[in-house]
Amino acid sequence: MNKKFKVDTIFIGLFVTIALAVFIILFSTPFYEDER
């Protein structure tokens, strides 16, 4: 059970890092449109 938990945690970490990267790219759109 512990081994499975560790493996799942690693994959969750990968998912989060990828999701954050995608979010930043998508969220950057307003910075090209708003002068401020």
PDB file of all heavy atoms in Angstrom:
ATOM      1  N   MET A   1       0.824  -1.207   0.000  1.00  0.00           N
ATOM      2  CA  MET A   1       0.000   0.000   0.000  1.00  0.00           C
ATOM      3  C   MET A   1       0.860   1.259   0.000  1.00  0.00           C
ATOM      4  O   MET A   1       0.598   2.205  -0.724  1.00  0.00           O
ATOM      5  CB  MET A   1      -0.915  -0.002   1.208  1.00  0.00           C
ATOM      6  CG  MET A   1      -1.865   1.218   1.270  1.00  0.00           C
ATOM      7  SD  MET A   1      -3.018   1.106   2.632  1.00  0.00           S
ATOM      8  CE  MET A   1      -4.089  -0.193   2.071  1.00  0.00           C
ATOM      9  N   ASN A   2       1.934   1.268   0.809  1.00  0.00           N
ATOM     10  CA  ASN A   2       2.811   2.424   0.866  1.00  0.00           C
ATOM     11  C   ASN A   2       3.496   2.663  -0.468  1.00  0.00           C
ATOM     12  O   ASN A   2       3.659   3.780  -0.923  1.00  0.00           O
ATOM     13  CB  ASN A   2       3.855   2.230   1.966  1.00  0.00           C
ATOM     14  CG  ASN A   2       3.236   2.318   3.328  1.00  0.00           C
ATOM     15  OD1 ASN A   2       2.174   2.908   3.484  1.00  0.00           O
ATOM     16  ND2 ASN A   2       3.869   1.724   4.320  1.00  0.00           N
ATOM     17  N   LYS A   3       3.931   1.568  -1.112  1.00  0.00           N
ATOM     18  CA  LYS A   3       4.608   1.690  -2.393  1.00  0.00           C
ATOM     19  C   LYS A   3       3.670   2.313  -3.415  1.00  0.00           C
ATOM     20  O   LYS A   3       4.043   3.198  -4.177  1.00  0.00           O
ATOM     21  CB  LYS A   3       5.091   0.314  -2.852  1.00  0.00           C
ATOM     22  CG  LYS A   3       5.879   0.358  -4.161  1.00  0.00           C
ATOM     23  CD  LYS A   3       6.362  -1.037  -4.514  1.00  0.00           C
ATOM     24  CE  LYS A   3       7.160  -1.014  -5.809  1.00  0.00           C
ATOM     25  NZ  LYS A   3       7.613  -2.342  -6.201  1.00  0.00           N
ATOM     26  N   LYS A   4       2.423   1.861  -3.456  1.00  0.00           N
ATOM     27  CA  LYS A   4       1.437   2.382  -4.395  1.00  0.00           C
ATOM     28  C   LYS A   4       1.192   3.865  -4.125  1.00  0.00           C
ATOM     29  O   LYS A   4       1.088   4.679  -5.037  1.00  0.00           O
ATOM     30  CB  LYS A   4       0.138   1.597  -4.266  1.00  0.00           C
ATOM     31  CG  LYS A   4      -0.953   2.019  -5.272  1.00  0.00           C
ATOM     32  CD  LYS A   4      -2.145   1.115  -5.132  1.00  0.00           C
ATOM     33  CE  LYS A   4      -3.203   1.412  -6.192  1.00  0.00           C
ATOM     34  NZ  LYS A   4      -3.742   2.741  -6.083  1.00  0.00           N
ATOM     35  N   PHE A   5       1.114   4.235  -2.847  1.00  0.00           N
ATOM     36  CA  PHE A   5       0.879   5.633  -2.485  1.00  0.00           C
ATOM     37  C   PHE A   5       2.006   6.524  -2.989  1.00  0.00           C
ATOM     38  O   PHE A   5       1.766   7.592  -3.541  1.00  0.00           O
ATOM     39  CB  PHE A   5       0.751   5.766  -0.968  1.00  0.00           C
ATOM     40  CG  PHE A   5       0.605   7.200  -0.514  1.00  0.00           C
ATOM     41  CD1 PHE A   5      -0.598   7.871  -0.680  1.00  0.00           C
ATOM     42  CD2 PHE A   5       1.669   7.875   0.053  1.00  0.00           C
ATOM     43  CE1 PHE A   5      -0.732   9.190  -0.279  1.00  0.00           C
ATOM     44  CE2 PHE A   5       1.546   9.181   0.455  1.00  0.00           C
ATOM     45  CZ  PHE A   5       0.329   9.835   0.296  1.00  0.00           C
ATOM     46  N   LYS A   6       3.251   6.055  -2.855  1.00  0.00           N
ATOM     47  CA  LYS A   6       4.388   6.833  -3.311  1.00  0.00           C
ATOM     48  C   LYS A   6       4.342   7.027  -4.831  1.00  0.00           C
ATOM     49  O   LYS A   6       4.578   8.104  -5.336  1.00  0.00           O
ATOM     50  CB  LYS A   6       5.695   6.146  -2.890  1.00  0.00           C
ATOM     51  CG  LYS A   6       5.970   6.211  -1.400  1.00  0.00           C
ATOM     52  CD  LYS A   6       7.250   5.491  -1.059  1.00  0.00           C
ATOM     53  CE  LYS A   6       7.506   5.520   0.445  1.00  0.00           C
ATOM     54  NZ  LYS A   6       8.702   4.767   0.814  1.00  0.00           N
ATOM     55  N   VAL A   7       4.064   5.955  -5.542  1.00  0.00           N
ATOM     56  CA  VAL A   7       4.000   6.041  -6.998  1.00  0.00           C
ATOM     57  C   VAL A   7       2.908   7.011  -7.413  1.00  0.00           C
ATOM     58  O   VAL A   7       3.094   7.862  -8.284  1.00  0.00           O
ATOM     59  CB  VAL A   7       3.772   4.644  -7.613  1.00  0.00           C
ATOM     60  CG1 VAL A   7       3.509   4.758  -9.109  1.00  0.00           C
ATOM     61  CG2 VAL A   7       4.979   3.748  -7.363  1.00  0.00           C
ATOM     62  N   ASP A   8       1.722   6.918  -6.794  1.00  0.00           N
ATOM     63  CA  ASP A   8       0.617   7.815  -7.111  1.00  0.00           C
ATOM     64  C   ASP A   8       0.999   9.262  -6.827  1.00  0.00           C
ATOM     65  O   ASP A   8       0.657  10.160  -7.600  1.00  0.00           O
ATOM     66  CB  ASP A   8      -0.615   7.437  -6.302  1.00  0.00           C
ATOM     67  CG  ASP A   8      -1.244   6.135  -6.772  1.00  0.00           C
ATOM     68  OD1 ASP A   8      -0.884   5.658  -7.866  1.00  0.00           O
ATOM     69  OD2 ASP A   8      -2.089   5.600  -6.046  1.00  0.00           O
ATOM     70  N   THR A   9       1.684   9.509  -5.730  1.00  0.00           N
ATOM     71  CA  THR A   9       2.096  10.855  -5.368  1.00  0.00           C
ATOM     72  C   THR A   9       3.015  11.448  -6.426  1.00  0.00           C
ATOM     73  O   THR A   9       2.895  12.622  -6.788  1.00  0.00           O
ATOM     74  CB  THR A   9       2.810  10.844  -3.994  1.00  0.00           C
ATOM     75  OG1 THR A   9       1.938  10.285  -3.018  1.00  0.00           O
ATOM     76  CG2 THR A   9       3.191  12.252  -3.580  1.00  0.00           C
ATOM     77  N   ILE A  10       3.921  10.659  -6.947  1.00  0.00           N
ATOM     78  CA  ILE A  10       4.847  11.132  -7.976  1.00  0.00           C
ATOM     79  C   ILE A  10       4.079  11.532  -9.234  1.00  0.00           C
ATOM     80  O   ILE A  10       4.328  12.576  -9.833  1.00  0.00           O
ATOM     81  CB  ILE A  10       5.902  10.050  -8.290  1.00  0.00           C
ATOM     82  CG1 ILE A  10       6.816   9.847  -7.074  1.00  0.00           C
ATOM     83  CG2 ILE A  10       6.727  10.435  -9.502  1.00  0.00           C
ATOM     84  CD1 ILE A  10       7.750   8.675  -7.200  1.00  0.00           C
ATOM     85  N   PHE A  11       3.138  10.696  -9.639  1.00  0.00           N
ATOM     86  CA  PHE A  11       2.364  11.007 -10.837  1.00  0.00           C
ATOM     87  C   PHE A  11       1.460  12.225 -10.621  1.00  0.00           C
ATOM     88  O   PHE A  11       1.225  13.011 -11.544  1.00  0.00           O
ATOM     89  CB  PHE A  11       1.538   9.791 -11.273  1.00  0.00           C
ATOM     90  CG  PHE A  11       2.316   8.819 -12.092  1.00  0.00           C
ATOM     91  CD1 PHE A  11       2.862   7.687 -11.506  1.00  0.00           C
ATOM     92  CD2 PHE A  11       2.531   9.039 -13.446  1.00  0.00           C
ATOM     93  CE1 PHE A  11       3.601   6.788 -12.259  1.00  0.00           C
ATOM     94  CE2 PHE A  11       3.266   8.151 -14.204  1.00  0.00           C
ATOM     95  CZ  PHE A  11       3.805   7.016 -13.617  1.00  0.00           C
ATOM     96  N   ILE A  12       0.966  12.384  -9.407  1.00  0.00           N
ATOM     97  CA  ILE A  12       0.182  13.584  -9.092  1.00  0.00           C
ATOM     98  C   ILE A  12       1.059  14.829  -9.226  1.00  0.00           C
ATOM     99  O   ILE A  12       0.643  15.858  -9.769  1.00  0.00           O
ATOM    100  CB  ILE A  12      -0.420  13.481  -7.675  1.00  0.00           C
ATOM    101  CG1 ILE A  12      -1.539  12.435  -7.658  1.00  0.00           C
ATOM    102  CG2 ILE A  12      -0.960  14.838  -7.224  1.00  0.00           C
ATOM    103  CD1 ILE A  12      -2.042  12.109  -6.265  1.00  0.00           C
ATOM    104  N   GLY A  13       2.302  14.735  -8.734  1.00  0.00           N
ATOM    105  CA  GLY A  13       3.240  15.846  -8.865  1.00  0.00           C
ATOM    106  C   GLY A  13       3.499  16.195 -10.320  1.00  0.00           C
ATOM    107  O   GLY A  13       3.548  17.380 -10.689  1.00  0.00           O
ATOM    108  N   LEU A  14       3.666  15.182 -11.166  1.00  0.00           N
ATOM    109  CA  LEU A  14       3.870  15.432 -12.600  1.00  0.00           C
ATOM    110  C   LEU A  14       2.644  16.106 -13.203  1.00  0.00           C
ATOM    111  O   LEU A  14       2.762  17.070 -13.976  1.00  0.00           O
ATOM    112  CB  LEU A  14       4.161  14.116 -13.322  1.00  0.00           C
ATOM    113  CG  LEU A  14       4.350  14.219 -14.837  1.00  0.00           C
ATOM    114  CD1 LEU A  14       5.571  15.067 -15.169  1.00  0.00           C
ATOM    115  CD2 LEU A  14       4.467  12.836 -15.468  1.00  0.00           C
ATOM    116  N   PHE A  15       1.472  15.609 -12.849  1.00  0.00           N
ATOM    117  CA  PHE A  15       0.229  16.200 -13.363  1.00  0.00           C
ATOM    118  C   PHE A  15       0.111  17.666 -12.948  1.00  0.00           C
ATOM    119  O   PHE A  15      -0.250  18.525 -13.756  1.00  0.00           O
ATOM    120  CB  PHE A  15      -0.973  15.404 -12.854  1.00  0.00           C
ATOM    121  CG  PHE A  15      -2.297  16.017 -13.200  1.00  0.00           C
ATOM    122  CD1 PHE A  15      -2.846  15.852 -14.459  1.00  0.00           C
ATOM    123  CD2 PHE A  15      -2.991  16.781 -12.268  1.00  0.00           C
ATOM    124  CE1 PHE A  15      -4.068  16.440 -14.785  1.00  0.00           C
ATOM    125  CE2 PHE A  15      -4.208  17.366 -12.574  1.00  0.00           C
ATOM    126  CZ  PHE A  15      -4.749  17.183 -13.849  1.00  0.00           C
ATOM    127  N   VAL A  16       0.441  17.954 -11.693  1.00  0.00           N
ATOM    128  CA  VAL A  16       0.322  19.336 -11.195  1.00  0.00           C
ATOM    129  C   VAL A  16       1.297  20.257 -11.927  1.00  0.00           C
ATOM    130  O   VAL A  16       0.926  21.371 -12.337  1.00  0.00           O
ATOM    131  CB  VAL A  16       0.570  19.374  -9.674  1.00  0.00           C
ATOM    132  CG1 VAL A  16       0.688  20.823  -9.188  1.00  0.00           C
ATOM    133  CG2 VAL A  16      -0.560  18.676  -8.935  1.00  0.00           C
ATOM    134  N   THR A  17       2.554  19.822 -12.111  1.00  0.00           N
ATOM    135  CA  THR A  17       3.530  20.679 -12.793  1.00  0.00           C
ATOM    136  C   THR A  17       3.111  20.956 -14.236  1.00  0.00           C
ATOM    137  O   THR A  17       3.240  22.078 -14.723  1.00  0.00           O
ATOM    138  CB  THR A  17       4.927  20.047 -12.772  1.00  0.00           C
ATOM    139  OG1 THR A  17       4.869  18.708 -13.300  1.00  0.00           O
ATOM    140  CG2 THR A  17       5.493  20.007 -11.366  1.00  0.00           C
ATOM    141  N   ILE A  18       2.595  19.934 -14.907  1.00  0.00           N
ATOM    142  CA  ILE A  18       2.121  20.131 -16.288  1.00  0.00           C
ATOM    143  C   ILE A  18       0.902  21.056 -16.305  1.00  0.00           C
ATOM    144  O   ILE A  18       0.795  21.970 -17.137  1.00  0.00           O
ATOM    145  CB  ILE A  18       1.785  18.785 -16.949  1.00  0.00           C
ATOM    146  CG1 ILE A  18       3.055  17.945 -17.121  1.00  0.00           C
ATOM    147  CG2 ILE A  18       1.116  18.990 -18.307  1.00  0.00           C
ATOM    148  CD1 ILE A  18       2.806  16.545 -17.624  1.00  0.00           C
ATOM    149  N   ALA A  19      -0.025  20.835 -15.368  1.00  0.00           N
ATOM    150  CA  ALA A  19      -1.239  21.666 -15.301  1.00  0.00           C
ATOM    151  C   ALA A  19      -0.889  23.121 -15.025  1.00  0.00           C
ATOM    152  O   ALA A  19      -1.476  24.037 -15.618  1.00  0.00           O
ATOM    153  CB  ALA A  19      -2.174  21.132 -14.220  1.00  0.00           C
ATOM    154  N   LEU A  20       0.087  23.362 -14.151  1.00  0.00           N
ATOM    155  CA  LEU A  20       0.498  24.734 -13.848  1.00  0.00           C
ATOM    156  C   LEU A  20       1.124  25.397 -15.078  1.00  0.00           C
ATOM    157  O   LEU A  20       0.880  26.583 -15.351  1.00  0.00           O
ATOM    158  CB  LEU A  20       1.485  24.742 -12.681  1.00  0.00           C
ATOM    159  CG  LEU A  20       0.909  24.353 -11.309  1.00  0.00           C
ATOM    160  CD1 LEU A  20       2.018  24.273 -10.275  1.00  0.00           C
ATOM    161  CD2 LEU A  20      -0.149  25.352 -10.862  1.00  0.00           C
ATOM    162  N   ALA A  21       1.936  24.653 -15.812  1.00  0.00           N
ATOM    163  CA  ALA A  21       2.559  25.197 -17.018  1.00  0.00           C
ATOM    164  C   ALA A  21       1.499  25.575 -18.042  1.00  0.00           C
ATOM    165  O   ALA A  21       1.555  26.664 -18.649  1.00  0.00           O
ATOM    166  CB  ALA A  21       3.537  24.180 -17.610  1.00  0.00           C
ATOM    167  N   VAL A  22       0.516  24.699 -18.246  1.00  0.00           N
ATOM    168  CA  VAL A  22      -0.568  24.984 -19.187  1.00  0.00           C
ATOM    169  C   VAL A  22      -1.375  26.195 -18.723  1.00  0.00           C
ATOM    170  O   VAL A  22      -1.735  27.067 -19.532  1.00  0.00           O
ATOM    171  CB  VAL A  22      -1.480  23.745 -19.346  1.00  0.00           C
ATOM    172  CG1 VAL A  22      -2.712  24.086 -20.177  1.00  0.00           C
ATOM    173  CG2 VAL A  22      -0.715  22.594 -19.981  1.00  0.00           C
ATOM    174  N   PHE A  23      -1.646  26.268 -17.421  1.00  0.00           N
ATOM    175  CA  PHE A  23      -2.404  27.411 -16.883  1.00  0.00           C
ATOM    176  C   PHE A  23      -1.679  28.721 -17.141  1.00  0.00           C
ATOM    177  O   PHE A  23      -2.296  29.717 -17.566  1.00  0.00           O
ATOM    178  CB  PHE A  23      -2.624  27.220 -15.377  1.00  0.00           C
ATOM    179  CG  PHE A  23      -3.182  28.438 -14.696  1.00  0.00           C
ATOM    180  CD1 PHE A  23      -4.530  28.746 -14.784  1.00  0.00           C
ATOM    181  CD2 PHE A  23      -2.344  29.297 -13.985  1.00  0.00           C
ATOM    182  CE1 PHE A  23      -5.048  29.883 -14.170  1.00  0.00           C
ATOM    183  CE2 PHE A  23      -2.850  30.430 -13.368  1.00  0.00           C
ATOM    184  CZ  PHE A  23      -4.203  30.718 -13.458  1.00  0.00           C
ATOM    185  N   ILE A  24      -0.361  28.761 -16.886  1.00  0.00           N
ATOM    186  CA  ILE A  24       0.399  29.998 -17.078  1.00  0.00           C
ATOM    187  C   ILE A  24       0.362  30.432 -18.541  1.00  0.00           C
ATOM    188  O   ILE A  24       0.178  31.617 -18.853  1.00  0.00           O
ATOM    189  CB  ILE A  24       1.858  29.802 -16.600  1.00  0.00           C
ATOM    190  CG1 ILE A  24       1.898  29.669 -15.072  1.00  0.00           C
ATOM    191  CG2 ILE A  24       2.733  30.964 -17.041  1.00  0.00           C
ATOM    192  CD1 ILE A  24       3.261  29.328 -14.523  1.00  0.00           C
ATOM    193  N   ILE A  25       0.524  29.460 -19.442  1.00  0.00           N
ATOM    194  CA  ILE A  25       0.505  29.793 -20.878  1.00  0.00           C
ATOM    195  C   ILE A  25      -0.862  30.358 -21.287  1.00  0.00           C
ATOM    196  O   ILE A  25      -0.945  31.369 -21.988  1.00  0.00           O
ATOM    197  CB  ILE A  25       0.857  28.547 -21.709  1.00  0.00           C
ATOM    198  CG1 ILE A  25       2.319  28.143 -21.459  1.00  0.00           C
ATOM    199  CG2 ILE A  25       0.635  28.805 -23.197  1.00  0.00           C
ATOM    200  CD1 ILE A  25       2.706  26.819 -22.052  1.00  0.00           C
ATOM    201  N   LEU A  26      -1.929  29.716 -20.846  1.00  0.00           N
ATOM    202  CA  LEU A  26      -3.270  30.181 -21.198  1.00  0.00           C
ATOM    203  C   LEU A  26      -3.595  31.515 -20.533  1.00  0.00           C
ATOM    204  O   LEU A  26      -4.239  32.387 -21.131  1.00  0.00           O
ATOM    205  CB  LEU A  26      -4.312  29.127 -20.794  1.00  0.00           C
ATOM    206  CG  LEU A  26      -4.237  27.779 -21.531  1.00  0.00           C
ATOM    207  CD1 LEU A  26      -5.265  26.809 -20.973  1.00  0.00           C
ATOM    208  CD2 LEU A  26      -4.448  27.975 -23.024  1.00  0.00           C
ATOM    209  N   PHE A  27      -3.120  31.683 -19.287  1.00  0.00           N
ATOM    210  CA  PHE A  27      -3.438  32.896 -18.529  1.00  0.00           C
ATOM    211  C   PHE A  27      -2.643  34.105 -19.019  1.00  0.00           C
ATOM    212  O   PHE A  27      -2.963  35.244 -18.688  1.00  0.00           O
ATOM    213  CB  PHE A  27      -3.150  32.662 -17.040  1.00  0.00           C
ATOM    214  CG  PHE A  27      -3.673  33.734 -16.134  1.00  0.00           C
ATOM    215  CD1 PHE A  27      -5.027  33.822 -15.862  1.00  0.00           C
ATOM    216  CD2 PHE A  27      -2.813  34.668 -15.575  1.00  0.00           C
ATOM    217  CE1 PHE A  27      -5.525  34.815 -15.022  1.00  0.00           C
ATOM    218  CE2 PHE A  27      -3.292  35.663 -14.741  1.00  0.00           C
ATOM    219  CZ  PHE A  27      -4.656  35.730 -14.461  1.00  0.00           C
ATOM    220  N   SER A  28      -1.583  33.852 -19.808  1.00  0.00           N
ATOM    221  CA  SER A  28      -0.731  34.954 -20.251  1.00  0.00           C
ATOM    222  C   SER A  28      -1.365  35.792 -21.357  1.00  0.00           C
ATOM    223  O   SER A  28      -0.865  36.875 -21.689  1.00  0.00           O
ATOM    224  CB  SER A  28       0.616  34.415 -20.743  1.00  0.00           C
ATOM    225  OG  SER A  28       0.430  33.571 -21.877  1.00  0.00           O
ATOM    226  N   THR A  29      -2.481  35.318 -21.932  1.00  0.00           N
ATOM    227  CA  THR A  29      -3.135  36.031 -23.041  1.00  0.00           C
ATOM    228  C   THR A  29      -3.462  37.489 -22.711  1.00  0.00           C
ATOM    229  O   THR A  29      -3.171  38.399 -23.516  1.00  0.00           O
ATOM    230  CB  THR A  29      -4.418  35.297 -23.477  1.00  0.00           C
ATOM    231  OG1 THR A  29      -4.085  33.953 -23.814  1.00  0.00           O
ATOM    232  CG2 THR A  29      -5.042  35.966 -24.675  1.00  0.00           C
ATOM    233  N   PRO A  30      -4.066  37.789 -21.541  1.00  0.00           N
ATOM    234  CA  PRO A  30      -4.404  39.190 -21.238  1.00  0.00           C
ATOM    235  C   PRO A  30      -3.198  40.113 -21.211  1.00  0.00           C
ATOM    236  O   PRO A  30      -3.342  41.327 -21.435  1.00  0.00           O
ATOM    237  CB  PRO A  30      -5.070  39.110 -19.853  1.00  0.00           C
ATOM    238  CG  PRO A  30      -5.536  37.692 -19.736  1.00  0.00           C
ATOM    239  CD  PRO A  30      -4.552  36.884 -20.480  1.00  0.00           C
ATOM    240  N   PHE A  31      -1.999  39.569 -20.943  1.00  0.00           N
ATOM    241  CA  PHE A  31      -0.815  40.428 -20.855  1.00  0.00           C
ATOM    242  C   PHE A  31      -0.431  41.011 -22.217  1.00  0.00           C
ATOM    243  O   PHE A  31       0.322  41.991 -22.293  1.00  0.00           O
ATOM    244  CB  PHE A  31       0.358  39.637 -20.262  1.00  0.00           C
ATOM    245  CG  PHE A  31       0.216  39.373 -18.794  1.00  0.00           C
ATOM    246  CD1 PHE A  31      -0.558  38.315 -18.335  1.00  0.00           C
ATOM    247  CD2 PHE A  31       0.839  40.184 -17.856  1.00  0.00           C
ATOM    248  CE1 PHE A  31      -0.703  38.059 -16.983  1.00  0.00           C
ATOM    249  CE2 PHE A  31       0.700  39.947 -16.500  1.00  0.00           C
ATOM    250  CZ  PHE A  31      -0.078  38.885 -16.058  1.00  0.00           C
ATOM    251  N   TYR A  32      -0.893  40.405 -23.294  1.00  0.00           N
ATOM    252  CA  TYR A  32      -0.619  40.924 -24.632  1.00  0.00           C
ATOM    253  C   TYR A  32      -1.682  41.934 -25.073  1.00  0.00           C
ATOM    254  O   TYR A  32      -1.467  42.696 -26.016  1.00  0.00           O
ATOM    255  CB  TYR A  32      -0.568  39.769 -25.641  1.00  0.00           C
ATOM    256  CG  TYR A  32       0.570  38.816 -25.400  1.00  0.00           C
ATOM    257  CD1 TYR A  32       0.416  37.699 -24.593  1.00  0.00           C
ATOM    258  CD2 TYR A  32       1.823  39.049 -25.974  1.00  0.00           C
ATOM    259  CE1 TYR A  32       1.460  36.826 -24.367  1.00  0.00           C
ATOM    260  CE2 TYR A  32       2.884  38.178 -25.749  1.00  0.00           C
ATOM    261  CZ  TYR A  32       2.693  37.061 -24.944  1.00  0.00           C
ATOM    262  OH  TYR A  32       3.734  36.208 -24.723  1.00  0.00           O
ATOM    263  N   GLU A  33      -2.819  41.964 -24.387  1.00  0.00           N
ATOM    264  CA  GLU A  33      -3.940  42.797 -24.812  1.00  0.00           C
ATOM    265  C   GLU A  33      -4.129  44.036 -23.945  1.00  0.00           C
ATOM    266  O   GLU A  33      -4.607  45.060 -24.417  1.00  0.00           O
ATOM    267  CB  GLU A  33      -5.235  41.963 -24.787  1.00  0.00           C
ATOM    268  CG  GLU A  33      -5.181  40.746 -25.692  1.00  0.00           C
ATOM    269  CD  GLU A  33      -6.362  39.817 -25.480  1.00  0.00           C
ATOM    270  OE1 GLU A  33      -7.101  40.036 -24.496  1.00  0.00           O
ATOM    271  OE2 GLU A  33      -6.539  38.881 -26.283  1.00  0.00           O
ATOM    272  N   ASP A  34      -3.750  43.957 -22.682  1.00  0.00           N
ATOM    273  CA  ASP A  34      -3.963  45.055 -21.726  1.00  0.00           C
ATOM    274  C   ASP A  34      -2.672  45.870 -21.602  1.00  0.00           C
ATOM    275  O   ASP A  34      -1.610  45.334 -21.276  1.00  0.00           O
ATOM    276  CB  ASP A  34      -4.375  44.474 -20.374  1.00  0.00           C
ATOM    277  CG  ASP A  34      -4.835  45.540 -19.391  1.00  0.00           C
ATOM    278  OD1 ASP A  34      -4.326  46.674 -19.452  1.00  0.00           O
ATOM    279  OD2 ASP A  34      -5.713  45.218 -18.562  1.00  0.00           O
ATOM    280  N   GLU A  35      -2.746  47.178 -21.854  1.00  0.00           N
ATOM    281  CA  GLU A  35      -1.549  48.016 -21.796  1.00  0.00           C
ATOM    282  C   GLU A  35      -0.916  47.996 -20.405  1.00  0.00           C
ATOM    283  O   GLU A  35       0.304  48.030 -20.263  1.00  0.00           O
ATOM    284  CB  GLU A  35      -1.919  49.474 -22.162  1.00  0.00           C
ATOM    285  CG  GLU A  35      -2.059  49.699 -23.648  1.00  0.00           C
ATOM    286  CD  GLU A  35      -2.236  51.168 -23.960  1.00  0.00           C
ATOM    287  OE1 GLU A  35      -1.794  52.004 -23.141  1.00  0.00           O
ATOM    288  OE2 GLU A  35      -2.820  51.469 -24.998  1.00  0.00           O
ATOM    289  N   ARG A  36      -1.762  48.011 -19.402  1.00  0.00           N
ATOM    290  CA  ARG A  36      -1.246  48.007 -18.024  1.00  0.00           C
ATOM    291  C   ARG A  36      -0.416  46.766 -17.738  1.00  0.00           C
ATOM    292  O   ARG A  36       0.551  46.804 -16.973  1.00  0.00           O
ATOM    293  CB  ARG A  36      -2.430  48.077 -17.038  1.00  0.00           C
ATOM    294  CG  ARG A  36      -2.025  48.094 -15.568  1.00  0.00           C
ATOM    295  CD  ARG A  36      -3.244  48.050 -14.680  1.00  0.00           C
ATOM    296  NE  ARG A  36      -3.917  46.781 -14.771  1.00  0.00           N
ATOM    297  CZ  ARG A  36      -3.578  45.690 -14.062  1.00  0.00           C
ATOM    298  NH1 ARG A  36      -2.545  45.739 -13.250  1.00  0.00           N
ATOM    299  NH2 ARG A  36      -4.257  44.577 -14.189  1.00  0.00           N
TER     300      ARG A  36
END
